[in-house]
Amino acid sequence: MLEGAKSIGAGAATIASAGAAVGIGNVLSSSIHSVARNPSLAKQSFGYAILGFALTEAIALFALMMASLISSVF
């Protein structure tokens, strides 16, 4: 019973990786649209895009850490 609950919990925590992939796609899409609309702000837009990538990737890494923690510790 406990093994099944651990597997379900780890699987649910890993679903966040799919959400992070969608988030990275949205950040890239918004970055391309903003540069296409106003090329003179490409450098500033690139900085914001890198920040968006970093924050989205941090959420994915946190979810994978929680999945490994659930499966190994509990």
C-alpha atoms as a PDB file:
ATOM      1  CA  MET A   1       0.000   0.000   0.000  1.00  0.00           C
ATOM      2  CA  LEU A   2       2.795   2.389   0.904  1.00  0.00           C
ATOM      3  CA  GLU A   3       4.757   1.594  -2.264  1.00  0.00           C
ATOM      4  CA  GLY A   4       1.733   2.394  -4.403  1.00  0.00           C
ATOM      5  CA  ALA A   5       1.203   5.708  -2.629  1.00  0.00           C
ATOM      6  CA  LYS A   6       4.881   6.567  -3.101  1.00  0.00           C
ATOM      7  CA  SER A   7       4.659   5.836  -6.824  1.00  0.00           C
ATOM      8  CA  ILE A   8       1.508   7.917  -7.211  1.00  0.00           C
ATOM      9  CA  GLY A   9       3.082  10.818  -5.305  1.00  0.00           C
ATOM     10  CA  ALA A  10       6.294  10.701  -7.329  1.00  0.00           C
ATOM     11  CA  GLY A  11       4.326  10.515 -10.574  1.00  0.00           C
ATOM     12  CA  ALA A  12       2.174  13.472  -9.594  1.00  0.00           C
ATOM     13  CA  ALA A  13       5.271  15.496  -8.753  1.00  0.00           C
ATOM     14  CA  THR A  14       6.801  14.646 -12.130  1.00  0.00           C
ATOM     15  CA  ILE A  15       3.795  16.027 -14.013  1.00  0.00           C
ATOM     16  CA  ALA A  16       5.183  19.490 -13.248  1.00  0.00           C
ATOM     17  CA  SER A  17       7.959  18.777 -15.756  1.00  0.00           C
ATOM     18  CA  ALA A  18       5.389  18.852 -18.563  1.00  0.00           C
ATOM     19  CA  GLY A  19       4.099  22.160 -17.232  1.00  0.00           C
ATOM     20  CA  ALA A  20       7.622  23.536 -17.183  1.00  0.00           C
ATOM     21  CA  ALA A  21       8.117  22.511 -20.816  1.00  0.00           C
ATOM     22  CA  VAL A  22       4.944  24.380 -21.767  1.00  0.00           C
ATOM     23  CA  GLY A  23       6.133  27.390 -19.758  1.00  0.00           C
ATOM     24  CA  ILE A  24       9.497  27.452 -21.534  1.00  0.00           C
ATOM     25  CA  GLY A  25       7.688  27.299 -24.867  1.00  0.00           C
ATOM     26  CA  ASN A  26       5.522  30.246 -23.854  1.00  0.00           C
ATOM     27  CA  VAL A  27       8.546  32.286 -22.786  1.00  0.00           C
ATOM     28  CA  LEU A  28      10.312  31.606 -26.082  1.00  0.00           C
ATOM     29  CA  SER A  29       7.194  32.398 -28.093  1.00  0.00           C
ATOM     30  CA  SER A  30       6.667  35.685 -26.255  1.00  0.00           C
ATOM     31  CA  SER A  31      10.305  36.602 -26.730  1.00  0.00           C
ATOM     32  CA  ILE A  32      10.101  36.016 -30.483  1.00  0.00           C
ATOM     33  CA  HIS A  33       6.897  38.037 -30.733  1.00  0.00           C
ATOM     34  CA  SER A  34       8.325  40.953 -28.759  1.00  0.00           C
ATOM     35  CA  VAL A  35      11.488  41.121 -30.881  1.00  0.00           C
ATOM     36  CA  ALA A  36       9.408  40.933 -34.044  1.00  0.00           C
ATOM     37  CA  ARG A  37       7.267  43.848 -32.880  1.00  0.00           C
ATOM     38  CA  ASN A  38      10.093  46.051 -31.598  1.00  0.00           C
ATOM     39  CA  PRO A  39      13.603  45.008 -32.690  1.00  0.00           C
ATOM     40  CA  SER A  40      15.247  47.961 -30.947  1.00  0.00           C
ATOM     41  CA  LEU A  41      14.454  46.443 -27.537  1.00  0.00           C
ATOM     42  CA  ALA A  42      15.937  43.035 -28.385  1.00  0.00           C
ATOM     43  CA  LYS A  43      18.684  43.205 -25.733  1.00  0.00           C
ATOM     44  CA  GLN A  44      16.305  44.142 -22.913  1.00  0.00           C
ATOM     45  CA  SER A  45      13.796  41.542 -24.090  1.00  0.00           C
ATOM     46  CA  PHE A  46      16.535  38.883 -24.149  1.00  0.00           C
ATOM     47  CA  GLY A  47      17.364  39.599 -20.505  1.00  0.00           C
ATOM     48  CA  TYR A  48      13.733  39.150 -19.510  1.00  0.00           C
ATOM     49  CA  ALA A  49      13.531  35.946 -21.550  1.00  0.00           C
ATOM     50  CA  ILE A  50      16.581  34.502 -19.766  1.00  0.00           C
ATOM     51  CA  LEU A  51      14.985  35.376 -16.418  1.00  0.00           C
ATOM     52  CA  GLY A  52      11.783  33.640 -17.494  1.00  0.00           C
ATOM     53  CA  PHE A  53      13.712  30.544 -18.590  1.00  0.00           C
ATOM     54  CA  ALA A  54      15.578  30.428 -15.282  1.00  0.00           C
ATOM     55  CA  LEU A  55      12.464  30.737 -13.136  1.00  0.00           C
ATOM     56  CA  THR A  56      10.558  28.151 -15.157  1.00  0.00           C
ATOM     57  CA  GLU A  57      13.469  25.729 -15.050  1.00  0.00           C
ATOM     58  CA  ALA A  58      13.797  26.230 -11.284  1.00  0.00           C
ATOM     59  CA  ILE A  59      10.204  25.086 -10.855  1.00  0.00           C
ATOM     60  CA  ALA A  60      10.928  21.976 -12.938  1.00  0.00           C
ATOM     61  CA  LEU A  61      14.017  21.161 -10.891  1.00  0.00           C
ATOM     62  CA  PHE A  62      12.076  21.666  -7.669  1.00  0.00           C
ATOM     63  CA  ALA A  63       9.393  19.242  -8.884  1.00  0.00           C
ATOM     64  CA  LEU A  64      11.972  16.605  -9.799  1.00  0.00           C
ATOM     65  CA  MET A  65      13.633  17.052  -6.413  1.00  0.00           C
ATOM     66  CA  MET A  66      10.284  16.516  -4.706  1.00  0.00           C
ATOM     67  CA  ALA A  67       9.651  13.395  -6.805  1.00  0.00           C
ATOM     68  CA  SER A  68      12.992  11.882  -5.829  1.00  0.00           C
ATOM     69  CA  LEU A  69      12.456  12.882  -2.208  1.00  0.00           C
ATOM     70  CA  ILE A  70       9.030  11.237  -2.148  1.00  0.00           C
ATOM     71  CA  SER A  71      10.295   8.026  -3.696  1.00  0.00           C
ATOM     72  CA  SER A  72      13.431   7.656  -1.577  1.00  0.00           C
ATOM     73  CA  VAL A  73      12.711   9.152   1.841  1.00  0.00           C
ATOM     74  CA  PHE A  74       9.063   8.449   2.581  1.00  0.00           C
END
